[in-house]
């Protein structure tokens, strides 16, 4: 194939990378905006506490339940096709959520939106990983992609607070405009792709059904942990049934001719270590952020907008991820940068453990800034490690596995801190001092999670060097240079 000169392709490549990063920005901001708006939605529609919780949990169920299937569908049915179709579904159901007049309508809209994200996000990520060769270019693109998601979440907190002041329905309508712009850009920029060869196409329906059902039950059981002893039988039943379905799934995948998940992929120790690390890191991050938000709003009496603005310093990762992190990865390798990110997270969460009743923002800010820096160092390299050395035809699967682990991590982190807080507060009075002690106890959970993650990531330090053993090459200096210079065999250059 004749290589198209960079001068003729750089603008298009930058635009395509921007559109793909817009997808993860959309997903991150959508979640953050709704988190800020839920109390207002609950008051306006007269929702019960349980229904309000399911407005958030419905998204997690849909996302976590179908991400594995979504990643494999991108490999088997076409990454472009899956990206465009499910981005359209995301747009439609986000709009329907804005017109909801009852709690069940919101829950359904959020569930389907989560399913859409489960298909479109791995597709977007696999388009990037199959468009660049392993090395500095792909690493840079993935770090930009991860940074865009973090930026979306951080800005979404503030934007959500502002939109909620205008009316909570705008929290649902705003993503519609962004999704529409991304969809129009993607239709123009995404290159056509050949249909999979007949020998490569297989539809493991039994495996897909088992995987989706197992993930849904696990997500449901994890979310129900927040209720502690209430309905414990149902929670344990969901988790036990999920385990049984996983066993059935393994049997099916061993016997079926075209498995949904090639079980041999789990022999890639670096990928499994990265997925587990992402679960623990994201769980700790969101659990910490959840408790800090409750502390600021419920104990200190800050408004949702004030709390969102206070937390925005954690968004420093959006600046550091595409600038500092690539240089560190190029010099020290993924393993060491991930390990450093976990160490910083331990410091960040540990510093917040003795939080006081009247802490000034200056006293809180070191923890928040260090937490954001830790995210910048760890999350992007974890994304790289989860897809390195995975064949092109399984990049969607690798992305699906990563996002399955990250979604479960988020659910585990929030559910665990909520459960521990409830246990610590049980039997105590409702005095501010008792509430503060319960918050302090719950803050131990993120510390424990990052300690476990540090231990796991330490195994990746053996024999690591620049770029984890890959030949060291000059990292692109800017996001623009990465997008402008794909490899000559990049799918971004096909069909032009």
Protein backbone atom coordinates (compact mmCIF):
# COMPACT_ATOMS: atom_id res chain seq x y z
CA UNK A 1 0.00 0.00 0.00
CA UNK A 2 1.29 3.43 -0.86
CA UNK A 3 1.87 5.62 2.16
CA UNK A 4 0.00 8.89 2.08
CA UNK A 5 2.30 11.81 2.86
CA UNK A 6 1.91 13.09 6.39
CA UNK A 7 1.31 16.58 5.12
CA UNK A 8 -1.89 15.40 3.45
CA UNK A 9 -3.15 13.32 6.35
CA UNK A 10 -2.16 15.14 9.52
CA UNK A 11 -5.26 17.29 9.81
CA UNK A 12 -7.61 14.35 9.25
CA UNK A 13 -5.74 12.16 11.72
CA UNK A 14 -5.80 14.84 14.40
CA UNK A 15 -9.53 15.30 13.86
CA UNK A 16 -10.18 11.55 14.09
CA UNK A 17 -8.21 11.18 17.30
CA UNK A 18 -10.08 14.19 18.68
CA UNK A 19 -13.44 12.58 17.80
CA UNK A 20 -12.48 9.27 19.44
CA UNK A 21 -11.26 11.08 22.55
CA UNK A 22 -14.54 12.98 22.52
CA UNK A 23 -16.31 9.67 23.11
CA UNK A 24 -14.52 8.93 26.37
CA UNK A 25 -14.88 12.60 27.38
CA UNK A 26 -18.62 12.24 26.76
CA UNK A 27 -18.82 9.09 28.87
CA UNK A 28 -16.87 10.60 31.76
CA UNK A 29 -18.74 13.90 31.81
CA UNK A 30 -22.12 12.16 31.52
CA UNK A 31 -21.49 10.14 34.68
CA UNK A 32 -20.15 13.13 36.64
CA UNK A 33 -22.98 15.47 35.67
CA UNK A 34 -25.65 13.01 36.74
CA UNK A 35 -23.89 12.37 40.07
CA UNK A 36 -24.23 16.08 40.87
CA UNK A 37 -27.86 16.26 39.67
CA UNK A 38 -29.37 13.21 41.42
CA UNK A 39 -30.44 15.03 44.63
CA UNK A 40 -32.31 17.64 42.57
CA UNK A 41 -33.88 14.98 40.35
CA UNK A 42 -35.02 13.09 43.43
CA UNK A 43 -36.69 16.17 44.91
CA UNK A 44 -38.35 17.24 41.65
CA UNK A 45 -39.81 13.85 40.73
CA UNK A 46 -40.45 12.74 44.31
CA UNK A 47 -38.28 9.64 43.98
CA UNK A 48 -37.67 7.26 46.86
CA UNK A 49 -34.09 6.82 48.07
CA UNK A 50 -33.95 3.39 46.42
CA UNK A 51 -35.14 4.67 43.04
CA UNK A 52 -32.71 7.58 43.16
CA UNK A 53 -29.87 5.14 43.83
CA UNK A 54 -30.92 3.00 40.86
CA UNK A 55 -30.78 6.02 38.55
CA UNK A 56 -27.01 5.85 39.10
CA UNK A 57 -26.73 2.07 39.50
CA UNK A 58 -28.69 1.35 36.33
CA UNK A 59 -25.88 2.83 34.26
CA UNK A 60 -23.27 0.76 36.09
CA UNK A 61 -25.31 -2.41 35.50
CA UNK A 62 -25.61 -1.76 31.79
CA UNK A 63 -21.97 -0.76 31.36
CA UNK A 64 -20.40 -3.50 33.47
CA UNK A 65 -22.79 -6.17 32.22
CA UNK A 66 -22.12 -5.72 28.51
CA UNK A 67 -18.59 -4.32 28.18
CA UNK A 68 -17.03 -7.73 27.58
CA UNK A 69 -19.58 -8.51 24.88
CA UNK A 70 -19.17 -5.00 23.45
CA UNK A 71 -15.42 -5.37 23.11
CA UNK A 72 -15.68 -8.70 21.31
CA UNK A 73 -18.47 -7.42 19.07
CA UNK A 74 -16.10 -4.71 17.84
CA UNK A 75 -13.63 -7.41 16.77
CA UNK A 76 -16.22 -9.64 15.11
CA UNK A 77 -18.74 -7.21 13.65
CA UNK A 78 -16.55 -4.22 12.87
CA UNK A 79 -15.21 -1.45 15.05
CA UNK A 80 -16.58 1.37 12.91
CA UNK A 81 -20.03 -0.20 12.77
CA UNK A 82 -20.25 -0.81 16.52
CA UNK A 83 -18.93 2.65 17.33
CA UNK A 84 -21.44 4.48 15.13
CA UNK A 85 -24.48 2.37 16.02
CA UNK A 86 -24.02 2.53 19.76
CA UNK A 87 -23.03 6.18 19.80
CA UNK A 88 -26.40 6.78 18.15
CA UNK A 89 -28.15 4.69 20.83
CA UNK A 90 -26.33 6.67 23.53
CA UNK A 91 -27.58 9.90 21.98
CA UNK A 92 -31.21 8.76 21.71
CA UNK A 93 -31.55 7.41 25.24
CA UNK A 94 -29.75 10.35 26.81
CA UNK A 95 -32.36 12.55 25.15
CA UNK A 96 -35.19 10.29 26.35
CA UNK A 97 -33.83 10.58 29.90
CA UNK A 98 -34.26 14.33 29.68
CA UNK A 99 -37.96 13.89 28.93
CA UNK A 100 -38.56 11.38 31.75
CA UNK A 101 -41.48 12.03 34.09
CA UNK A 102 -41.11 9.02 36.38
CA UNK A 103 -38.29 7.22 38.15
CA UNK A 104 -38.60 3.99 36.15
CA UNK A 105 -38.17 5.92 32.91
CA UNK A 106 -34.90 7.38 34.16
CA UNK A 107 -33.65 3.98 35.31
CA UNK A 108 -34.41 2.40 31.91
CA UNK A 109 -32.81 5.30 30.05
CA UNK A 110 -29.66 5.09 32.18
CA UNK A 111 -29.44 1.31 31.81
CA UNK A 112 -29.61 1.47 28.01
CA UNK A 113 -27.16 4.40 27.99
CA UNK A 114 -24.77 2.23 30.00
CA UNK A 115 -25.17 -0.63 27.52
CA UNK A 116 -24.42 1.80 24.68
CA UNK A 117 -21.27 2.98 26.45
CA UNK A 118 -20.26 -0.68 26.92
CA UNK A 119 -20.19 -1.14 23.14
CA UNK A 120 -18.92 2.23 21.89
CA UNK A 121 -16.05 2.78 24.37
CA UNK A 122 -14.12 -0.47 23.66
CA UNK A 123 -14.74 0.11 19.94
CA UNK A 124 -13.22 3.60 20.15
CA UNK A 125 -10.24 2.34 22.11
CA UNK A 126 -9.61 -0.57 19.74
CA UNK A 127 -9.74 1.80 16.74
CA UNK A 128 -6.86 3.69 18.36
CA UNK A 129 -4.85 0.58 19.31
CA UNK A 130 -5.19 -0.89 15.81
CA UNK A 131 -4.33 2.43 14.15
CA UNK A 132 -0.88 2.80 15.72
CA UNK A 133 1.96 0.27 16.10
CA UNK A 134 3.10 -0.67 19.58
CA UNK A 135 5.49 1.96 20.80
CA UNK A 136 5.59 5.69 21.58
CA UNK A 137 2.89 6.67 19.07
CA UNK A 138 0.29 4.27 20.42
CA UNK A 139 1.29 5.02 24.00
CA UNK A 140 0.85 8.74 23.42
CA UNK A 141 -2.56 8.26 21.76
CA UNK A 142 -3.78 6.04 24.62
CA UNK A 143 -2.55 8.52 27.23
CA UNK A 144 -4.44 11.30 25.45
CA UNK A 145 -7.51 9.03 25.33
CA UNK A 146 -7.28 8.28 29.06
CA UNK A 147 -6.66 11.96 29.84
CA UNK A 148 -9.77 12.93 27.89
CA UNK A 149 -11.89 10.63 30.05
CA UNK A 150 -10.44 12.09 33.24
CA UNK A 151 -10.96 15.60 31.92
CA UNK A 152 -14.57 14.76 31.09
CA UNK A 153 -15.24 13.54 34.61
CA UNK A 154 -13.57 16.52 36.27
CA UNK A 155 -15.25 19.14 34.11
CA UNK A 156 -18.51 17.21 34.27
CA UNK A 157 -18.70 17.84 38.01
CA UNK A 158 -18.64 21.60 37.49
CA UNK A 159 -20.76 21.59 34.33
CA UNK A 160 -23.28 19.36 36.08
CA UNK A 161 -23.55 21.83 38.95
CA UNK A 162 -24.12 24.72 36.56
CA UNK A 163 -26.65 22.84 34.42
CA UNK A 164 -28.54 21.65 37.49
CA UNK A 165 -29.01 25.27 38.46
CA UNK A 166 -30.67 25.84 35.06
CA UNK A 167 -32.74 22.66 35.32
CA UNK A 168 -31.73 19.04 35.82
CA UNK A 169 -33.06 17.98 32.41
CA UNK A 170 -30.15 19.84 30.80
CA UNK A 171 -27.85 17.27 32.36
CA UNK A 172 -29.40 14.78 29.93
CA UNK A 173 -29.76 17.14 26.97
CA UNK A 174 -26.19 18.51 27.02
CA UNK A 175 -24.60 15.11 26.12
CA UNK A 176 -27.00 14.88 23.17
CA UNK A 177 -25.36 17.86 21.48
CA UNK A 178 -21.83 16.55 22.08
CA UNK A 179 -22.77 13.02 20.96
CA UNK A 180 -24.37 14.45 17.81
CA UNK A 181 -21.23 16.42 16.96
CA UNK A 182 -19.02 13.34 17.51
CA UNK A 183 -21.36 11.18 15.41
CA UNK A 184 -21.30 13.60 12.47
CA UNK A 185 -17.50 13.86 12.69
CA UNK A 186 -17.06 10.09 12.94
CA UNK A 187 -19.28 9.42 9.92
CA UNK A 188 -16.93 11.60 7.90
CA UNK A 189 -13.60 10.64 9.45
CA UNK A 190 -13.76 6.93 10.29
CA UNK A 191 -12.37 4.91 7.36
CA UNK A 192 -14.41 2.09 5.90
CA UNK A 193 -13.40 -1.38 7.03
CA UNK A 194 -13.66 -4.75 5.37
CA UNK A 195 -16.21 -7.22 6.70
CA UNK A 196 -14.63 -10.07 8.70
CA UNK A 197 -13.70 -13.12 6.67
CA UNK A 198 -16.15 -16.03 7.03
CA UNK A 199 -13.53 -18.08 8.89
CA UNK A 200 -13.09 -15.27 11.39
CA UNK A 201 -16.76 -14.71 12.02
CA UNK A 202 -18.38 -16.66 14.78
CA UNK A 203 -21.32 -16.00 17.02
CA UNK A 204 -20.97 -17.66 20.39
CA UNK A 205 -24.53 -16.89 21.50
CA UNK A 206 -24.50 -19.23 24.50
CA UNK A 207 -21.21 -17.77 25.73
CA UNK A 208 -22.44 -14.23 25.14
CA UNK A 209 -25.64 -14.88 27.11
CA UNK A 210 -23.71 -16.46 30.01
CA UNK A 211 -21.14 -13.64 30.09
CA UNK A 212 -23.74 -10.87 30.02
CA UNK A 213 -25.92 -12.54 32.66
CA UNK A 214 -22.93 -13.22 34.93
CA UNK A 215 -21.65 -9.64 34.65
CA UNK A 216 -25.13 -8.24 35.31
CA UNK A 217 -25.54 -10.39 38.42
CA UNK A 218 -22.08 -9.50 39.71
CA UNK A 219 -22.73 -5.81 39.17
CA UNK A 220 -26.14 -6.11 40.85
CA UNK A 221 -24.67 -7.95 43.84
CA UNK A 222 -21.85 -5.44 44.24
CA UNK A 223 -24.23 -2.48 44.09
CA UNK A 224 -26.46 -4.16 46.69
CA UNK A 225 -23.53 -4.35 49.12
CA UNK A 226 -24.35 -0.75 49.92
CA UNK A 227 -27.47 -2.00 51.71
CA UNK A 228 -25.35 -4.09 54.09
CA UNK A 229 -27.61 -6.54 55.98
CA UNK A 230 -30.81 -5.52 54.22
CA UNK A 231 -31.75 -8.21 51.72
CA UNK A 232 -28.47 -10.05 52.30
CA UNK A 233 -29.92 -13.27 50.89
CA UNK A 234 -30.71 -11.60 47.58
CA UNK A 235 -27.22 -10.09 47.40
CA UNK A 236 -25.46 -13.38 48.11
CA UNK A 237 -27.81 -15.19 45.74
CA UNK A 238 -26.93 -12.83 42.90
CA UNK A 239 -23.19 -13.23 43.51
CA UNK A 240 -23.45 -17.03 43.79
CA UNK A 241 -25.49 -17.30 40.61
CA UNK A 242 -22.96 -15.07 38.87
CA UNK A 243 -20.16 -17.43 39.90
CA UNK A 244 -22.12 -20.42 38.59
CA UNK A 245 -22.61 -18.66 35.26
CA UNK A 246 -18.89 -17.89 35.06
CA UNK A 247 -18.18 -21.61 35.51
CA UNK A 248 -20.68 -22.40 32.76
CA UNK A 249 -19.10 -19.72 30.56
CA UNK A 250 -15.63 -21.28 30.94
CA UNK A 251 -16.99 -24.70 29.95
CA UNK A 252 -18.70 -23.21 26.89
CA UNK A 253 -15.61 -21.27 25.80
CA UNK A 254 -13.47 -24.39 26.00
CA UNK A 255 -15.80 -26.35 23.76
CA UNK A 256 -17.17 -23.84 21.27
CA UNK A 257 -15.50 -23.51 17.88
CA UNK A 258 -15.50 -19.70 17.81
CA UNK A 259 -15.39 -18.57 21.45
CA UNK A 260 -16.49 -15.13 22.59
CA UNK A 261 -13.35 -15.00 24.74
CA UNK A 262 -10.25 -16.98 23.87
CA UNK A 263 -9.30 -18.17 27.37
CA UNK A 264 -5.64 -18.21 26.41
CA UNK A 265 -5.66 -14.42 26.50
CA UNK A 266 -5.58 -14.65 30.29
CA UNK A 267 -2.09 -16.17 30.05
CA UNK A 268 -0.82 -12.66 29.33
CA UNK A 269 0.33 -11.80 32.84
CA UNK A 270 0.94 -8.13 32.07
CA UNK A 271 -2.62 -7.72 30.76
CA UNK A 272 -4.20 -9.47 33.76
CA UNK A 273 -2.03 -7.47 36.15
CA UNK A 274 -3.06 -4.23 34.43
CA UNK A 275 -6.76 -5.14 34.56
CA UNK A 276 -6.59 -5.98 38.28
CA UNK A 277 -4.58 -2.83 38.93
CA UNK A 278 -7.19 -0.75 37.08
CA UNK A 279 -9.99 -2.32 39.14
CA UNK A 280 -8.28 -1.46 42.42
CA UNK A 281 -7.07 1.98 41.35
CA UNK A 282 -10.43 3.14 39.95
CA UNK A 283 -12.28 1.64 42.91
CA UNK A 284 -10.09 3.53 45.36
CA UNK A 285 -10.29 6.76 43.36
CA UNK A 286 -14.07 6.83 43.08
CA UNK A 287 -14.59 5.57 46.62
CA UNK A 288 -12.37 8.36 47.94
CA UNK A 289 -14.09 10.99 45.80
CA UNK A 290 -17.52 9.76 46.92
CA UNK A 291 -16.69 10.05 50.62
CA UNK A 292 -15.06 13.46 50.16
CA UNK A 293 -18.18 14.69 48.35
CA UNK A 294 -20.41 13.49 51.21
CA UNK A 295 -18.09 15.10 53.75
CA UNK A 296 -18.21 18.46 51.98
CA UNK A 297 -21.96 18.50 51.33
CA UNK A 298 -23.52 16.63 54.25
CA UNK A 299 -21.13 17.48 57.07
CA UNK A 300 -19.76 20.85 55.98
CA UNK A 301 -22.94 22.08 54.30
CA UNK A 302 -21.32 23.02 50.99
CA UNK A 303 -23.56 23.24 47.93
CA UNK A 304 -23.15 20.74 45.09
CA UNK A 305 -21.55 23.43 42.94
CA UNK A 306 -19.12 24.44 45.70
CA UNK A 307 -18.13 20.80 46.22
CA UNK A 308 -17.69 20.29 42.48
CA UNK A 309 -15.44 23.33 42.17
CA UNK A 310 -13.42 22.16 45.19
CA UNK A 311 -12.83 18.77 43.57
CA UNK A 312 -11.82 20.16 40.20
CA UNK A 313 -8.16 20.32 41.28
CA UNK A 314 -8.22 16.53 40.99
CA UNK A 315 -8.62 17.22 37.28
CA UNK A 316 -4.94 18.16 37.04
CA UNK A 317 -4.57 14.70 35.51
CA UNK A 318 -6.17 16.05 32.32
CA UNK A 319 -3.09 18.27 31.88
CA UNK A 320 -0.47 15.88 33.22
CA UNK A 321 -1.63 12.73 31.40
CA UNK A 322 -0.78 13.92 27.86
CA UNK A 323 2.28 15.99 28.87
CA UNK A 324 4.25 14.56 31.81
CA UNK A 325 3.17 10.91 31.75
CA UNK A 326 4.41 10.11 28.19
CA UNK A 327 7.87 11.37 29.07
CA UNK A 328 7.97 9.29 32.24
CA UNK A 329 6.74 6.18 30.40
CA UNK A 330 9.33 6.68 27.66
CA UNK A 331 12.11 7.05 30.22
CA UNK A 332 11.14 4.56 32.93
CA UNK A 333 8.61 2.20 31.37
CA UNK A 334 4.95 1.52 32.13
CA UNK A 335 5.61 -0.68 35.15
CA UNK A 336 7.57 1.89 37.12
CA UNK A 337 5.20 4.74 36.29
CA UNK A 338 2.19 2.65 37.35
CA UNK A 339 3.96 1.74 40.58
CA UNK A 340 4.74 5.41 41.21
CA UNK A 341 1.09 6.29 40.63
CA UNK A 342 -0.03 3.78 43.24
CA UNK A 343 2.52 5.09 45.75
CA UNK A 344 1.23 8.63 45.24
CA UNK A 345 -2.34 7.40 45.71
CA UNK A 346 -1.37 5.88 49.08
CA UNK A 347 0.04 9.26 50.13
CA UNK A 348 -3.03 11.15 48.87
CA UNK A 349 -5.62 9.01 50.62
CA UNK A 350 -3.49 8.58 53.73
CA UNK A 351 -3.17 12.35 54.16
CA UNK A 352 -6.96 12.68 54.23
CA UNK A 353 -7.50 10.03 56.93
CA UNK A 354 -7.28 12.49 59.89
CA UNK A 355 -9.74 14.91 58.24
CA UNK A 356 -11.19 17.33 60.80
CA UNK A 357 -14.53 18.98 61.33
CA UNK A 358 -13.32 22.39 60.24
CA UNK A 359 -10.49 21.64 57.83
CA UNK A 360 -9.75 24.53 55.52
CA UNK A 361 -9.62 23.98 51.78
CA UNK A 362 -5.86 24.60 51.98
CA UNK A 363 -5.59 21.59 54.30
CA UNK A 364 -7.58 19.39 51.90
CA UNK A 365 -6.00 20.47 48.63
CA UNK A 366 -2.69 18.53 48.93
CA UNK A 367 -4.63 15.24 49.05
CA UNK A 368 -6.80 16.25 46.11
CA UNK A 369 -3.89 17.42 43.96
CA UNK A 370 -1.78 14.35 44.74
CA UNK A 371 -4.78 12.09 44.00
CA UNK A 372 -5.18 13.73 40.59
CA UNK A 373 -1.47 13.38 39.89
CA UNK A 374 -1.58 9.72 40.88
CA UNK A 375 -4.44 9.19 38.44
CA UNK A 376 -2.42 10.82 35.66
CA UNK A 377 0.54 8.53 36.32
CA UNK A 378 -1.32 5.25 36.77
CA UNK A 379 -4.43 5.16 34.61
CA UNK A 380 -2.96 5.85 31.17
CA UNK A 381 -0.06 3.40 31.55
CA UNK A 382 -2.49 0.79 32.88
CA UNK A 383 -4.46 1.26 29.66
CA UNK A 384 -1.29 0.75 27.63
CA UNK A 385 -0.27 -2.35 29.59
CA UNK A 386 -3.75 -3.86 29.17
CA UNK A 387 -3.48 -3.76 25.37
CA UNK A 388 0.23 -4.28 24.69
CA UNK A 389 1.21 -7.53 22.98
CA UNK A 390 -2.45 -8.36 22.24
CA UNK A 391 -3.07 -9.34 18.60
CA UNK A 392 -4.88 -6.84 16.42
CA UNK A 393 -7.90 -9.12 16.04
CA UNK A 394 -8.36 -9.19 19.83
CA UNK A 395 -7.83 -5.52 20.62
CA UNK A 396 -11.58 -5.03 21.08
CA UNK A 397 -11.64 -7.93 23.53
CA UNK A 398 -8.68 -6.47 25.45
CA UNK A 399 -10.46 -3.11 25.65
CA UNK A 400 -13.66 -4.81 26.76
CA UNK A 401 -11.84 -6.66 29.53
CA UNK A 402 -10.18 -3.45 30.71
CA UNK A 403 -13.44 -1.50 30.87
CA UNK A 404 -15.20 -4.44 32.52
CA UNK A 405 -12.60 -4.36 35.30
CA UNK A 406 -12.72 -0.57 35.62
CA UNK A 407 -16.51 -0.51 35.87
CA UNK A 408 -16.51 -3.23 38.49
CA UNK A 409 -13.76 -1.36 40.30
CA UNK A 410 -15.87 1.79 40.41
CA UNK A 411 -18.87 -0.16 41.69
CA UNK A 412 -16.79 -2.03 44.28
CA UNK A 413 -15.12 1.15 45.54
CA UNK A 414 -18.33 3.12 46.03
CA UNK A 415 -20.27 0.16 47.45
CA UNK A 416 -17.45 -0.77 49.84
CA UNK A 417 -17.02 2.72 51.30
CA UNK A 418 -20.80 3.05 51.64
CA UNK A 419 -21.06 -0.29 53.42
CA UNK A 420 -18.16 0.48 55.78
CA UNK A 421 -19.60 3.92 56.51
CA UNK A 422 -22.96 2.34 57.36
CA UNK A 423 -21.35 -0.22 59.66
CA UNK A 424 -19.31 2.46 61.42
CA UNK A 425 -22.35 4.71 61.83
CA UNK A 426 -24.65 1.91 63.05
CA UNK A 427 -25.56 2.32 66.70
CA UNK A 428 -23.90 5.72 66.93
CA UNK A 429 -25.77 8.95 67.43
CA UNK A 430 -26.29 11.42 64.62
CA UNK A 431 -23.90 13.99 66.06
CA UNK A 432 -21.37 15.59 63.68
CA UNK A 433 -18.54 13.92 65.57
CA UNK A 434 -20.01 10.44 65.05
CA UNK A 435 -20.59 11.13 61.37
CA UNK A 436 -17.02 12.36 60.98
CA UNK A 437 -15.67 9.21 62.63
CA UNK A 438 -17.72 7.10 60.22
CA UNK A 439 -16.25 9.02 57.28
CA UNK A 440 -12.74 8.46 58.60
CA UNK A 441 -13.40 4.74 58.91
CA UNK A 442 -14.75 4.56 55.35
CA UNK A 443 -11.65 6.36 54.07
CA UNK A 444 -9.58 3.34 55.09
CA UNK A 445 -11.13 1.40 52.18
CA UNK A 446 -9.40 3.41 49.40
CA UNK A 447 -6.11 3.15 51.27
CA UNK A 448 -6.41 -0.64 51.47
CA UNK A 449 -7.34 -0.88 47.79
CA UNK A 450 -4.30 1.09 46.60
CA UNK A 451 -2.05 -0.88 48.95
CA UNK A 452 -3.26 -4.08 47.25
CA UNK A 453 -2.78 -2.45 43.86
CA UNK A 454 0.75 -1.43 44.78
CA UNK A 455 1.57 -5.03 45.69
CA UNK A 456 0.18 -6.29 42.36
CA UNK A 457 1.93 -3.62 40.31
CA UNK A 458 5.24 -4.42 42.04
CA UNK A 459 5.32 -7.70 40.10
CA UNK A 460 5.53 -5.62 36.92
CA UNK A 461 8.81 -4.02 38.02
CA UNK A 462 10.95 -7.06 37.35
CA UNK A 463 13.01 -6.52 34.26
CA UNK A 464 11.26 -3.32 33.30
CA UNK A 465 13.04 -0.66 31.38
CA UNK A 466 12.05 2.12 29.05
CA UNK A 467 8.70 1.35 27.47
CA UNK A 468 8.60 -1.99 29.30
CA UNK A 469 11.33 -3.57 27.30
CA UNK A 470 10.39 -2.13 23.92
CA UNK A 471 13.16 -0.38 22.09
CA UNK A 472 13.33 3.12 23.37
CA UNK A 473 12.32 5.74 20.85
CA UNK A 474 11.59 9.42 21.04
CA UNK A 475 8.13 10.08 22.38
CA UNK A 476 6.05 12.53 20.43
CA UNK A 477 6.24 15.89 22.09
CA UNK A 478 2.61 16.85 21.69
CA UNK A 479 -0.81 15.42 21.16
CA UNK A 480 -0.84 16.96 17.70
CA UNK A 481 2.34 15.24 16.61
CA UNK A 482 0.97 11.88 17.67
CA UNK A 483 -2.24 12.30 15.77
CA UNK A 484 -0.41 13.66 12.76
CA UNK A 485 2.06 10.79 12.33
CA UNK A 486 0.40 7.38 12.31
CA UNK A 487 2.35 4.43 11.00
CA UNK A 488 2.31 3.88 7.28
CA UNK A 489 0.21 0.74 7.69
CA UNK A 490 -2.31 2.46 9.94
CA UNK A 491 -5.98 1.77 9.24
CA UNK A 492 -6.43 5.53 9.45
CA UNK A 493 -4.75 5.74 6.06
CA UNK A 494 -6.90 3.14 4.31
CA UNK A 495 -9.52 4.08 1.82
CA UNK A 496 -8.19 7.55 1.09
